[in-house]
Amino acid sequence: MIHTPDLFMPSLPIFLAFLGAALAMNLTPGLDTMFVIGQTMGGGIRAGVRGALGIATGSACHTVLAAVGISALVAASPVLLSVLTYAGAAYLVWIGVAMVRRPSAATLPVETGSSDAFRRGVLTNLLNVKVILFYLTFLPQFLRPSDGPEWQQVVFYGMTFNVLGTTLLLAVALVSNKLVGALGTSDKPAIIASRVCGTALIALAIGLALTR
């Protein structure tokens, strides 16, 4: 008879503690929030939703990489970590500058196709070194060797965090789209919002590079 290993299930106290900490982290406005707001303001609800799903896809990839130990190898290499940090910062600056320089909402790069928002979301998340460090500093606090294989725990907590974060980002996209509708047909509010979000992304990128 073939024995199948039991799937990991966390104890309720640890799971609730994780949910509370994960919710607090996801509610803190940051790069992902600014990115989704910018995509929604420029390309509508479809671009915002696809941007959020792109971030979710990138986060899922990070979960898998952490589970198999690749994230730890990258973090242990100063050269690789530096390359990822500066590449991610440069990409954010590129997106931010494009958002700031847009003359009108109708000419936003994200408007060229909501699929671009998905691709940007994936790359933004994959190149975010803070996500790698999250898996190496935050998640281990909730891992218990006696609860089962570590990789199962990493996948479980990582995907739980991802689902929670994605739900909040989709809500951000919905609220941002409602706000655009409430402001009327004028391009000016969307242009201002785009420039604010673009400036925020540039600032976050600079902060990311400097903290390295």
N, C-alpha and C. Protein backbone atom coordinates (compact mmCIF):
# COMPACT_ATOMS: atom_id res chain seq x y z
N MET A 1 0.84 -1.20 0.00
CA MET A 1 0.00 0.00 0.00
C MET A 1 0.88 1.25 0.00
N ILE A 2 0.62 2.18 -0.92
CA ILE A 2 1.43 3.38 -1.04
C ILE A 2 0.97 4.40 -0.01
N HIS A 3 1.93 4.91 0.74
CA HIS A 3 1.61 5.90 1.76
C HIS A 3 1.74 7.31 1.19
N THR A 4 0.71 8.10 1.31
CA THR A 4 0.74 9.49 0.85
C THR A 4 0.92 10.40 2.05
N PRO A 5 1.88 11.31 1.99
CA PRO A 5 2.13 12.19 3.13
C PRO A 5 0.94 13.11 3.40
N ASP A 6 0.71 13.38 4.67
CA ASP A 6 -0.38 14.26 5.05
C ASP A 6 -0.07 15.69 4.62
N LEU A 7 -1.11 16.39 4.19
CA LEU A 7 -0.94 17.79 3.82
C LEU A 7 -0.82 18.64 5.08
N PHE A 8 -0.03 19.68 4.97
CA PHE A 8 0.20 20.55 6.12
C PHE A 8 -1.05 21.36 6.45
N MET A 9 -1.38 21.40 7.72
CA MET A 9 -2.45 22.24 8.22
C MET A 9 -1.95 22.92 9.49
N PRO A 10 -1.92 24.24 9.53
CA PRO A 10 -1.37 24.94 10.69
C PRO A 10 -2.32 24.87 11.89
N SER A 11 -1.76 25.05 13.06
CA SER A 11 -2.60 25.15 14.25
C SER A 11 -3.34 26.48 14.20
N LEU A 12 -4.52 26.52 14.78
CA LEU A 12 -5.36 27.72 14.70
C LEU A 12 -4.69 28.97 15.28
N PRO A 13 -4.04 28.89 16.45
CA PRO A 13 -3.41 30.10 17.01
C PRO A 13 -2.32 30.67 16.10
N ILE A 14 -1.49 29.79 15.52
CA ILE A 14 -0.42 30.27 14.64
C ILE A 14 -1.01 30.85 13.36
N PHE A 15 -2.05 30.19 12.84
CA PHE A 15 -2.67 30.67 11.60
C PHE A 15 -3.31 32.04 11.81
N LEU A 16 -3.99 32.23 12.92
CA LEU A 16 -4.62 33.52 13.21
C LEU A 16 -3.57 34.61 13.40
N ALA A 17 -2.46 34.24 14.05
CA ALA A 17 -1.37 35.22 14.22
C ALA A 17 -0.80 35.61 12.87
N PHE A 18 -0.65 34.63 11.99
CA PHE A 18 -0.14 34.91 10.64
C PHE A 18 -1.10 35.81 9.87
N LEU A 19 -2.39 35.50 9.93
CA LEU A 19 -3.38 36.31 9.22
C LEU A 19 -3.36 37.76 9.70
N GLY A 20 -3.25 37.95 11.02
CA GLY A 20 -3.21 39.31 11.55
C GLY A 20 -2.00 40.08 11.06
N ALA A 21 -0.83 39.42 11.10
CA ALA A 21 0.40 40.08 10.65
C ALA A 21 0.36 40.32 9.14
N ALA A 22 -0.14 39.34 8.39
CA ALA A 22 -0.21 39.48 6.93
C ALA A 22 -1.17 40.59 6.53
N LEU A 23 -2.30 40.68 7.24
CA LEU A 23 -3.27 41.73 6.93
C LEU A 23 -2.68 43.11 7.20
N ALA A 24 -1.95 43.24 8.31
CA ALA A 24 -1.33 44.52 8.64
C ALA A 24 -0.32 44.93 7.58
N MET A 25 0.45 43.96 7.09
CA MET A 25 1.45 44.24 6.06
C MET A 25 0.80 44.63 4.74
N ASN A 26 -0.26 43.93 4.38
CA ASN A 26 -0.92 44.21 3.10
C ASN A 26 -1.70 45.52 3.11
N LEU A 27 -2.16 45.94 4.29
CA LEU A 27 -2.91 47.18 4.38
C LEU A 27 -2.00 48.41 4.35
N THR A 28 -0.71 48.19 4.55
CA THR A 28 0.25 49.29 4.50
C THR A 28 0.50 49.67 3.04
N PRO A 29 0.15 50.89 2.63
CA PRO A 29 0.35 51.29 1.23
C PRO A 29 1.83 51.18 0.82
N GLY A 30 2.05 50.63 -0.34
CA GLY A 30 3.42 50.49 -0.81
C GLY A 30 3.47 50.42 -2.32
N LEU A 31 4.50 49.79 -2.83
CA LEU A 31 4.74 49.71 -4.26
C LEU A 31 3.56 49.11 -5.01
N ASP A 32 3.06 47.96 -4.53
CA ASP A 32 1.97 47.28 -5.23
C ASP A 32 0.71 48.15 -5.29
N THR A 33 0.40 48.81 -4.18
CA THR A 33 -0.78 49.67 -4.14
C THR A 33 -0.66 50.82 -5.13
N MET A 34 0.49 51.49 -5.13
CA MET A 34 0.69 52.61 -6.05
C MET A 34 0.64 52.14 -7.51
N PHE A 35 1.18 50.97 -7.75
CA PHE A 35 1.19 50.44 -9.11
C PHE A 35 -0.23 50.19 -9.60
N VAL A 36 -1.05 49.54 -8.78
CA VAL A 36 -2.42 49.21 -9.18
C VAL A 36 -3.26 50.47 -9.35
N ILE A 37 -3.08 51.44 -8.46
CA ILE A 37 -3.81 52.71 -8.59
C ILE A 37 -3.44 53.39 -9.91
N GLY A 38 -2.15 53.41 -10.21
CA GLY A 38 -1.69 54.04 -11.44
C GLY A 38 -2.23 53.36 -12.68
N GLN A 39 -2.24 52.02 -12.67
CA GLN A 39 -2.76 51.27 -13.82
C GLN A 39 -4.25 51.53 -14.00
N THR A 40 -4.99 51.58 -12.89
CA THR A 40 -6.43 51.78 -12.96
C THR A 40 -6.77 53.20 -13.43
N MET A 41 -6.05 54.18 -12.89
CA MET A 41 -6.31 55.57 -13.28
C MET A 41 -6.02 55.79 -14.76
N GLY A 42 -5.04 55.08 -15.28
CA GLY A 42 -4.66 55.29 -16.67
C GLY A 42 -5.39 54.41 -17.66
N GLY A 43 -5.66 53.15 -17.26
CA GLY A 43 -6.23 52.20 -18.21
C GLY A 43 -7.58 51.65 -17.84
N GLY A 44 -8.16 52.13 -16.74
CA GLY A 44 -9.48 51.65 -16.36
C GLY A 44 -9.42 50.41 -15.48
N ILE A 45 -10.58 49.89 -15.14
CA ILE A 45 -10.67 48.77 -14.21
C ILE A 45 -9.99 47.52 -14.74
N ARG A 46 -10.08 47.31 -16.06
CA ARG A 46 -9.46 46.11 -16.63
C ARG A 46 -7.95 46.14 -16.44
N ALA A 47 -7.32 47.28 -16.68
CA ALA A 47 -5.87 47.39 -16.50
C ALA A 47 -5.52 47.23 -15.02
N GLY A 48 -6.33 47.80 -14.13
CA GLY A 48 -6.05 47.68 -12.70
C GLY A 48 -6.14 46.24 -12.24
N VAL A 49 -7.18 45.54 -12.68
CA VAL A 49 -7.35 44.14 -12.29
C VAL A 49 -6.22 43.28 -12.83
N ARG A 50 -5.86 43.50 -14.09
CA ARG A 50 -4.78 42.69 -14.66
C ARG A 50 -3.44 43.02 -14.02
N GLY A 51 -3.26 44.28 -13.63
CA GLY A 51 -2.04 44.63 -12.91
C GLY A 51 -1.97 43.89 -11.58
N ALA A 52 -3.10 43.83 -10.86
CA ALA A 52 -3.16 43.11 -9.59
C ALA A 52 -2.90 41.62 -9.79
N LEU A 53 -3.46 41.05 -10.84
CA LEU A 53 -3.25 39.63 -11.12
C LEU A 53 -1.81 39.36 -11.54
N GLY A 54 -1.19 40.34 -12.20
CA GLY A 54 0.23 40.19 -12.55
C GLY A 54 1.09 40.14 -11.31
N ILE A 55 0.79 41.01 -10.35
CA ILE A 55 1.51 41.01 -9.08
C ILE A 55 1.30 39.68 -8.36
N ALA A 56 0.06 39.17 -8.40
CA ALA A 56 -0.25 37.88 -7.78
C ALA A 56 0.56 36.75 -8.42
N THR A 57 0.70 36.80 -9.74
CA THR A 57 1.48 35.78 -10.45
C THR A 57 2.95 35.83 -10.05
N GLY A 58 3.48 37.04 -9.97
CA GLY A 58 4.87 37.19 -9.54
C GLY A 58 5.07 36.68 -8.13
N SER A 59 4.11 36.98 -7.25
CA SER A 59 4.21 36.53 -5.86
C SER A 59 4.14 35.01 -5.77
N ALA A 60 3.30 34.40 -6.61
CA ALA A 60 3.21 32.94 -6.64
C ALA A 60 4.55 32.32 -7.07
N CYS A 61 5.20 32.96 -8.05
CA CYS A 61 6.53 32.49 -8.47
C CYS A 61 7.53 32.59 -7.33
N HIS A 62 7.47 33.69 -6.57
CA HIS A 62 8.35 33.85 -5.41
C HIS A 62 8.11 32.76 -4.38
N THR A 63 6.85 32.38 -4.20
CA THR A 63 6.51 31.33 -3.25
C THR A 63 7.17 30.01 -3.64
N VAL A 64 7.07 29.68 -4.93
CA VAL A 64 7.68 28.44 -5.41
C VAL A 64 9.20 28.48 -5.27
N LEU A 65 9.80 29.61 -5.62
CA LEU A 65 11.25 29.76 -5.52
C LEU A 65 11.72 29.64 -4.07
N ALA A 66 10.92 30.19 -3.15
CA ALA A 66 11.28 30.10 -1.74
C ALA A 66 11.14 28.67 -1.24
N ALA A 67 10.10 27.98 -1.72
CA ALA A 67 9.86 26.60 -1.27
C ALA A 67 10.98 25.65 -1.69
N VAL A 68 11.56 25.89 -2.85
CA VAL A 68 12.63 25.00 -3.32
C VAL A 68 14.01 25.51 -2.93
N GLY A 69 14.06 26.65 -2.25
CA GLY A 69 15.33 27.14 -1.73
C GLY A 69 16.10 28.09 -2.60
N ILE A 70 15.56 28.43 -3.77
CA ILE A 70 16.28 29.32 -4.68
C ILE A 70 16.37 30.74 -4.13
N SER A 71 15.31 31.19 -3.47
CA SER A 71 15.32 32.53 -2.90
C SER A 71 16.44 32.70 -1.89
N ALA A 72 16.67 31.65 -1.09
CA ALA A 72 17.74 31.70 -0.09
C ALA A 72 19.10 31.80 -0.76
N LEU A 73 19.27 31.09 -1.89
CA LEU A 73 20.54 31.14 -2.61
C LEU A 73 20.79 32.53 -3.19
N VAL A 74 19.72 33.15 -3.72
CA VAL A 74 19.84 34.51 -4.27
C VAL A 74 20.20 35.49 -3.17
N ALA A 75 19.51 35.38 -2.03
CA ALA A 75 19.77 36.30 -0.91
C ALA A 75 21.17 36.13 -0.35
N ALA A 76 21.72 34.93 -0.49
CA ALA A 76 23.06 34.66 0.04
C ALA A 76 24.15 35.18 -0.88
N SER A 77 23.78 35.59 -2.09
CA SER A 77 24.75 36.09 -3.05
C SER A 77 24.65 37.61 -3.15
N PRO A 78 25.61 38.33 -2.61
CA PRO A 78 25.57 39.80 -2.68
C PRO A 78 25.47 40.33 -4.11
N VAL A 79 26.15 39.65 -5.04
CA VAL A 79 26.14 40.11 -6.43
C VAL A 79 24.74 39.97 -7.03
N LEU A 80 24.14 38.79 -6.89
CA LEU A 80 22.80 38.57 -7.44
C LEU A 80 21.78 39.49 -6.79
N LEU A 81 21.90 39.67 -5.49
CA LEU A 81 20.96 40.52 -4.77
C LEU A 81 21.08 41.97 -5.23
N SER A 82 22.31 42.42 -5.46
CA SER A 82 22.53 43.78 -5.95
C SER A 82 21.97 43.96 -7.36
N VAL A 83 22.21 42.97 -8.22
CA VAL A 83 21.71 43.05 -9.59
C VAL A 83 20.18 43.14 -9.60
N LEU A 84 19.53 42.29 -8.81
CA LEU A 84 18.07 42.30 -8.74
C LEU A 84 17.55 43.62 -8.16
N THR A 85 18.25 44.10 -7.13
CA THR A 85 17.82 45.34 -6.49
C THR A 85 17.85 46.51 -7.46
N TYR A 86 18.97 46.68 -8.14
CA TYR A 86 19.11 47.82 -9.04
C TYR A 86 18.28 47.65 -10.31
N ALA A 87 18.12 46.41 -10.77
CA ALA A 87 17.26 46.17 -11.93
C ALA A 87 15.82 46.50 -11.59
N GLY A 88 15.38 46.08 -10.40
CA GLY A 88 14.02 46.38 -9.97
C GLY A 88 13.80 47.87 -9.79
N ALA A 89 14.78 48.55 -9.18
CA ALA A 89 14.68 49.99 -8.97
C ALA A 89 14.62 50.72 -10.31
N ALA A 90 15.46 50.30 -11.25
CA ALA A 90 15.48 50.94 -12.58
C ALA A 90 14.15 50.75 -13.30
N TYR A 91 13.58 49.56 -13.17
CA TYR A 91 12.31 49.29 -13.83
C TYR A 91 11.20 50.15 -13.24
N LEU A 92 11.20 50.31 -11.92
CA LEU A 92 10.20 51.15 -11.26
C LEU A 92 10.35 52.61 -11.68
N VAL A 93 11.58 53.07 -11.78
CA VAL A 93 11.83 54.46 -12.22
C VAL A 93 11.31 54.65 -13.64
N TRP A 94 11.55 53.67 -14.49
CA TRP A 94 11.08 53.75 -15.89
C TRP A 94 9.56 53.87 -15.94
N ILE A 95 8.86 53.04 -15.16
CA ILE A 95 7.41 53.12 -15.12
C ILE A 95 6.96 54.46 -14.53
N GLY A 96 7.60 54.85 -13.43
CA GLY A 96 7.22 56.09 -12.76
C GLY A 96 7.41 57.31 -13.64
N VAL A 97 8.54 57.40 -14.33
CA VAL A 97 8.81 58.54 -15.21
C VAL A 97 7.79 58.58 -16.34
N ALA A 98 7.45 57.42 -16.89
CA ALA A 98 6.46 57.37 -17.97
C ALA A 98 5.11 57.89 -17.49
N MET A 99 4.76 57.56 -16.25
CA MET A 99 3.48 58.01 -15.69
C MET A 99 3.49 59.52 -15.44
N VAL A 100 4.61 60.04 -14.98
CA VAL A 100 4.71 61.47 -14.68
C VAL A 100 4.67 62.30 -15.96
N ARG A 101 5.26 61.80 -17.04
CA ARG A 101 5.39 62.59 -18.27
C ARG A 101 4.19 62.49 -19.18
N ARG A 102 3.18 61.71 -18.85
CA ARG A 102 2.03 61.55 -19.72
C ARG A 102 1.27 62.87 -19.89
N PRO A 103 1.06 63.31 -21.10
CA PRO A 103 0.33 64.56 -21.32
C PRO A 103 -1.17 64.44 -21.11
N SER A 104 -1.71 63.21 -21.26
CA SER A 104 -3.14 63.03 -21.05
C SER A 104 -3.41 61.58 -20.72
N ALA A 105 -4.54 61.33 -20.10
CA ALA A 105 -4.90 59.96 -19.72
C ALA A 105 -5.04 59.06 -20.94
N ALA A 106 -5.39 59.66 -22.07
CA ALA A 106 -5.60 58.85 -23.27
C ALA A 106 -4.31 58.31 -23.85
N THR A 107 -3.17 58.86 -23.43
CA THR A 107 -1.90 58.42 -24.01
C THR A 107 -1.08 57.61 -23.02
N LEU A 108 -1.70 57.12 -21.95
CA LEU A 108 -0.95 56.32 -20.99
C LEU A 108 -0.45 55.04 -21.64
N PRO A 109 0.81 54.65 -21.38
CA PRO A 109 1.31 53.40 -21.93
C PRO A 109 0.45 52.21 -21.54
N VAL A 110 -0.11 52.22 -20.33
CA VAL A 110 -0.94 51.08 -19.91
C VAL A 110 -2.20 50.99 -20.76
N GLU A 111 -2.53 52.07 -21.47
CA GLU A 111 -3.74 52.08 -22.28
C GLU A 111 -3.56 51.29 -23.56
N THR A 112 -2.32 51.02 -23.93
CA THR A 112 -2.06 50.30 -25.17
C THR A 112 -2.53 48.86 -25.11
N GLY A 113 -2.95 48.40 -23.94
CA GLY A 113 -3.42 47.03 -23.80
C GLY A 113 -3.34 46.62 -22.35
N SER A 114 -4.47 46.11 -21.82
CA SER A 114 -4.45 45.72 -20.41
C SER A 114 -3.51 44.55 -20.16
N SER A 115 -3.15 43.82 -21.24
CA SER A 115 -2.18 42.75 -21.07
C SER A 115 -0.83 43.32 -20.65
N ASP A 116 -0.53 44.56 -21.06
CA ASP A 116 0.70 45.21 -20.64
C ASP A 116 0.70 45.41 -19.13
N ALA A 117 -0.46 45.72 -18.56
CA ALA A 117 -0.57 45.90 -17.12
C ALA A 117 -0.24 44.61 -16.40
N PHE A 118 -0.68 43.49 -16.94
CA PHE A 118 -0.37 42.19 -16.34
C PHE A 118 1.13 41.93 -16.37
N ARG A 119 1.73 42.15 -17.54
CA ARG A 119 3.17 41.93 -17.69
C ARG A 119 3.96 42.83 -16.76
N ARG A 120 3.56 44.09 -16.67
CA ARG A 120 4.24 45.03 -15.78
C ARG A 120 4.11 44.58 -14.33
N GLY A 121 2.93 44.08 -13.97
CA GLY A 121 2.72 43.61 -12.61
C GLY A 121 3.62 42.44 -12.26
N VAL A 122 3.75 41.50 -13.19
CA VAL A 122 4.62 40.34 -12.96
C VAL A 122 6.06 40.78 -12.76
N LEU A 123 6.56 41.63 -13.68
CA LEU A 123 7.95 42.07 -13.60
C LEU A 123 8.20 42.92 -12.37
N THR A 124 7.25 43.79 -12.03
CA THR A 124 7.41 44.63 -10.85
C THR A 124 7.59 43.79 -9.60
N ASN A 125 6.80 42.72 -9.50
CA ASN A 125 6.88 41.86 -8.31
C ASN A 125 8.12 40.98 -8.33
N LEU A 126 8.43 40.39 -9.49
CA LEU A 126 9.60 39.50 -9.57
C LEU A 126 10.90 40.23 -9.28
N LEU A 127 10.97 41.51 -9.68
CA LEU A 127 12.20 42.28 -9.48
C LEU A 127 12.24 43.00 -8.14
N ASN A 128 11.24 42.76 -7.31
CA ASN A 128 11.17 43.40 -5.99
C ASN A 128 11.93 42.54 -4.97
N VAL A 129 13.13 42.98 -4.62
CA VAL A 129 13.96 42.22 -3.68
C VAL A 129 13.30 42.12 -2.31
N LYS A 130 12.48 43.11 -1.97
CA LYS A 130 11.82 43.07 -0.67
C LYS A 130 10.90 41.86 -0.54
N VAL A 131 10.37 41.38 -1.67
CA VAL A 131 9.52 40.19 -1.62
C VAL A 131 10.36 38.97 -1.28
N ILE A 132 11.56 38.88 -1.87
CA ILE A 132 12.47 37.77 -1.54
C ILE A 132 12.81 37.79 -0.06
N LEU A 133 13.15 38.97 0.44
CA LEU A 133 13.52 39.09 1.85
C LEU A 133 12.32 38.81 2.76
N PHE A 134 11.12 39.10 2.28
CA PHE A 134 9.91 38.79 3.04
C PHE A 134 9.84 37.30 3.33
N TYR A 135 10.11 36.50 2.30
CA TYR A 135 10.03 35.06 2.45
C TYR A 135 11.15 34.51 3.35
N LEU A 136 12.23 35.27 3.47
CA LEU A 136 13.36 34.81 4.27
C LEU A 136 13.34 35.35 5.69
N THR A 137 12.54 36.37 5.96
CA THR A 137 12.53 36.97 7.30
C THR A 137 11.17 36.87 7.98
N PHE A 138 10.09 37.04 7.22
CA PHE A 138 8.76 37.05 7.82
C PHE A 138 8.18 35.63 7.96
N LEU A 139 8.15 34.88 6.87
CA LEU A 139 7.55 33.55 6.90
C LEU A 139 8.20 32.59 7.90
N PRO A 140 9.55 32.57 8.01
CA PRO A 140 10.17 31.62 8.95
C PRO A 140 9.69 31.75 10.39
N GLN A 141 9.16 32.91 10.76
CA GLN A 141 8.67 33.09 12.12
C GLN A 141 7.48 32.19 12.42
N PHE A 142 6.80 31.72 11.37
CA PHE A 142 5.60 30.90 11.57
C PHE A 142 5.83 29.43 11.21
N LEU A 143 7.02 29.09 10.81
CA LEU A 143 7.33 27.69 10.46
C LEU A 143 7.64 26.89 11.72
N ARG A 144 7.09 25.70 11.79
CA ARG A 144 7.32 24.80 12.92
C ARG A 144 7.76 23.45 12.38
N PRO A 145 9.01 23.02 12.66
CA PRO A 145 9.51 21.74 12.15
C PRO A 145 8.60 20.56 12.48
N SER A 146 7.94 20.63 13.62
CA SER A 146 7.09 19.51 14.04
C SER A 146 5.77 19.46 13.28
N ASP A 147 5.45 20.53 12.53
CA ASP A 147 4.16 20.58 11.82
C ASP A 147 4.19 19.90 10.45
N GLY A 148 5.37 19.58 9.96
CA GLY A 148 5.45 18.94 8.66
C GLY A 148 6.58 19.49 7.81
N PRO A 149 6.68 19.03 6.56
CA PRO A 149 7.74 19.51 5.67
C PRO A 149 7.75 21.03 5.53
N GLU A 150 8.94 21.61 5.59
CA GLU A 150 9.03 23.07 5.54
C GLU A 150 8.51 23.62 4.24
N TRP A 151 8.74 22.93 3.12
CA TRP A 151 8.31 23.46 1.83
C TRP A 151 6.79 23.58 1.76
N GLN A 152 6.08 22.62 2.40
CA GLN A 152 4.62 22.71 2.42
C GLN A 152 4.15 23.92 3.22
N GLN A 153 4.84 24.20 4.32
CA GLN A 153 4.48 25.35 5.14
C GLN A 153 4.73 26.65 4.39
N VAL A 154 5.86 26.71 3.67
CA VAL A 154 6.17 27.91 2.90
C VAL A 154 5.12 28.15 1.82
N VAL A 155 4.73 27.09 1.12
CA VAL A 155 3.72 27.21 0.07
C VAL A 155 2.38 27.65 0.67
N PHE A 156 2.00 27.03 1.77
CA PHE A 156 0.71 27.35 2.40
C PHE A 156 0.66 28.81 2.84
N TYR A 157 1.67 29.24 3.60
CA TYR A 157 1.67 30.61 4.10
C TYR A 157 1.89 31.62 2.98
N GLY A 158 2.74 31.26 2.03
CA GLY A 158 3.01 32.16 0.92
C GLY A 158 1.77 32.40 0.08
N MET A 159 1.03 31.33 -0.23
CA MET A 159 -0.17 31.48 -1.04
C MET A 159 -1.30 32.15 -0.26
N THR A 160 -1.35 31.89 1.04
CA THR A 160 -2.34 32.58 1.86
C THR A 160 -2.09 34.09 1.84
N PHE A 161 -0.83 34.46 2.01
CA PHE A 161 -0.46 35.88 1.95
C PHE A 161 -0.78 36.46 0.58
N ASN A 162 -0.54 35.68 -0.46
CA ASN A 162 -0.78 36.13 -1.83
C ASN A 162 -2.28 36.36 -2.08
N VAL A 163 -3.10 35.41 -1.66
CA VAL A 163 -4.55 35.53 -1.85
C VAL A 163 -5.09 36.75 -1.10
N LEU A 164 -4.62 36.94 0.12
CA LEU A 164 -5.06 38.08 0.92
C LEU A 164 -4.65 39.39 0.25
N GLY A 165 -3.38 39.46 -0.17
CA GLY A 165 -2.88 40.67 -0.83
C GLY A 165 -3.59 40.95 -2.13
N THR A 166 -3.84 39.90 -2.92
CA THR A 166 -4.52 40.08 -4.21
C THR A 166 -5.94 40.58 -4.01
N THR A 167 -6.62 40.05 -3.01
CA THR A 167 -7.99 40.50 -2.72
C THR A 167 -8.01 42.00 -2.41
N LEU A 168 -7.05 42.44 -1.61
CA LEU A 168 -6.98 43.86 -1.26
C LEU A 168 -6.63 44.72 -2.48
N LEU A 169 -5.73 44.21 -3.33
CA LEU A 169 -5.36 44.98 -4.53
C LEU A 169 -6.53 45.09 -5.50
N LEU A 170 -7.32 44.02 -5.61
CA LEU A 170 -8.50 44.09 -6.47
C LEU A 170 -9.50 45.12 -5.92
N ALA A 171 -9.58 45.20 -4.60
CA ALA A 171 -10.44 46.21 -3.98
C ALA A 171 -9.91 47.61 -4.27
N VAL A 172 -8.59 47.76 -4.24
CA VAL A 172 -7.97 49.05 -4.55
C VAL A 172 -8.29 49.45 -6.00
N ALA A 173 -8.21 48.48 -6.91
CA ALA A 173 -8.53 48.76 -8.32
C ALA A 173 -9.98 49.18 -8.46
N LEU A 174 -10.88 48.51 -7.76
CA LEU A 174 -12.30 48.83 -7.84
C LEU A 174 -12.59 50.23 -7.30
N VAL A 175 -12.02 50.55 -6.14
CA VAL A 175 -12.22 51.87 -5.54
C VAL A 175 -11.63 52.96 -6.43
N SER A 176 -10.44 52.71 -6.97
CA SER A 176 -9.80 53.70 -7.85
C SER A 176 -10.65 53.97 -9.08
N ASN A 177 -11.23 52.90 -9.63
CA ASN A 177 -12.07 53.06 -10.82
C ASN A 177 -13.34 53.83 -10.49
N LYS A 178 -13.92 53.57 -9.33
CA LYS A 178 -15.11 54.31 -8.89
C LYS A 178 -14.78 55.79 -8.72
N LEU A 179 -13.58 56.05 -8.20
CA LEU A 179 -13.16 57.43 -8.00
C LEU A 179 -13.02 58.16 -9.32
N VAL A 180 -12.45 57.48 -10.31
CA VAL A 180 -12.31 58.08 -11.64
C VAL A 180 -13.69 58.41 -12.21
N GLY A 181 -14.64 57.48 -12.04
CA GLY A 181 -15.99 57.72 -12.53
C GLY A 181 -16.67 58.88 -11.83
N ALA A 182 -16.40 59.01 -10.52
CA ALA A 182 -17.02 60.09 -9.75
C ALA A 182 -16.46 61.45 -10.12
N LEU A 183 -15.25 61.48 -10.63
CA LEU A 183 -14.61 62.74 -10.97
C LEU A 183 -15.05 63.28 -12.34
N GLY A 184 -15.83 62.48 -13.05
CA GLY A 184 -16.36 62.95 -14.33
C GLY A 184 -15.48 62.55 -15.51
N THR A 185 -15.76 63.17 -16.65
CA THR A 185 -15.09 62.80 -17.90
C THR A 185 -13.78 63.55 -18.14
N SER A 186 -13.48 64.53 -17.31
CA SER A 186 -12.26 65.31 -17.51
C SER A 186 -11.03 64.43 -17.28
N ASP A 187 -10.00 64.65 -18.12
CA ASP A 187 -8.74 63.91 -18.00
C ASP A 187 -7.87 64.41 -16.85
N LYS A 188 -8.12 65.63 -16.40
CA LYS A 188 -7.22 66.27 -15.44
C LYS A 188 -7.04 65.49 -14.14
N PRO A 189 -8.13 65.01 -13.48
CA PRO A 189 -7.93 64.24 -12.25
C PRO A 189 -7.10 62.99 -12.46
N ALA A 190 -7.35 62.29 -13.58
CA ALA A 190 -6.59 61.08 -13.87
C ALA A 190 -5.11 61.40 -14.12
N ILE A 191 -4.86 62.52 -14.80
CA ILE A 191 -3.48 62.93 -15.06
C ILE A 191 -2.76 63.23 -13.76
N ILE A 192 -3.43 63.96 -12.86
CA ILE A 192 -2.84 64.30 -11.57
C ILE A 192 -2.56 63.03 -10.77
N ALA A 193 -3.54 62.11 -10.74
CA ALA A 193 -3.37 60.87 -10.00
C ALA A 193 -2.23 60.04 -10.57
N SER A 194 -2.14 60.03 -11.90
CA SER A 194 -1.06 59.28 -12.55
C SER A 194 0.30 59.84 -12.17
N ARG A 195 0.40 61.17 -12.15
CA ARG A 195 1.68 61.80 -11.80
C ARG A 195 2.04 61.58 -10.34
N VAL A 196 1.03 61.61 -9.47
CA VAL A 196 1.28 61.36 -8.05
C VAL A 196 1.78 59.93 -7.85
N CYS A 197 1.09 58.97 -8.48
CA CYS A 197 1.49 57.56 -8.36
C CYS A 197 2.87 57.33 -9.00
N GLY A 198 3.13 57.99 -10.13
CA GLY A 198 4.43 57.86 -10.77
C GLY A 198 5.54 58.39 -9.89
N THR A 199 5.30 59.55 -9.26
CA THR A 199 6.29 60.12 -8.35
C THR A 199 6.53 59.20 -7.16
N ALA A 200 5.44 58.60 -6.65
CA ALA A 200 5.56 57.68 -5.53
C ALA A 200 6.39 56.45 -5.91
N LEU A 201 6.18 55.94 -7.12
CA LEU A 201 6.95 54.78 -7.58
C LEU A 201 8.43 55.13 -7.70
N ILE A 202 8.73 56.32 -8.20
CA ILE A 202 10.12 56.74 -8.32
C ILE A 202 10.76 56.84 -6.94
N ALA A 203 10.02 57.43 -5.98
CA ALA A 203 10.53 57.56 -4.62
C ALA A 203 10.77 56.19 -4.00
N LEU A 204 9.84 55.27 -4.22
CA LEU A 204 10.00 53.90 -3.68
C LEU A 204 11.21 53.22 -4.32
N ALA A 205 11.41 53.46 -5.60
CA ALA A 205 12.54 52.85 -6.31
C ALA A 205 13.87 53.37 -5.76
N ILE A 206 13.93 54.68 -5.53
CA ILE A 206 15.14 55.28 -4.98
C ILE A 206 15.39 54.74 -3.58
N GLY A 207 14.32 54.64 -2.79
CA GLY A 207 14.45 54.09 -1.44
C GLY A 207 14.93 52.66 -1.47
N LEU A 208 14.43 51.88 -2.44
CA LEU A 208 14.82 50.48 -2.58
C LEU A 208 16.32 50.38 -2.87
N ALA A 209 16.78 51.23 -3.78
CA ALA A 209 18.20 51.21 -4.17
C ALA A 209 19.10 51.66 -3.02
N LEU A 210 18.66 52.68 -2.30
CA LEU A 210 19.49 53.22 -1.21
C LEU A 210 19.56 52.27 -0.03
N THR A 211 18.46 51.57 0.27
CA THR A 211 18.47 50.65 1.41
C THR A 211 19.34 49.44 1.11
N ARG A 212 19.60 49.20 -0.15
CA ARG A 212 20.51 48.10 -0.51
C ARG A 212 21.91 48.39 0.01
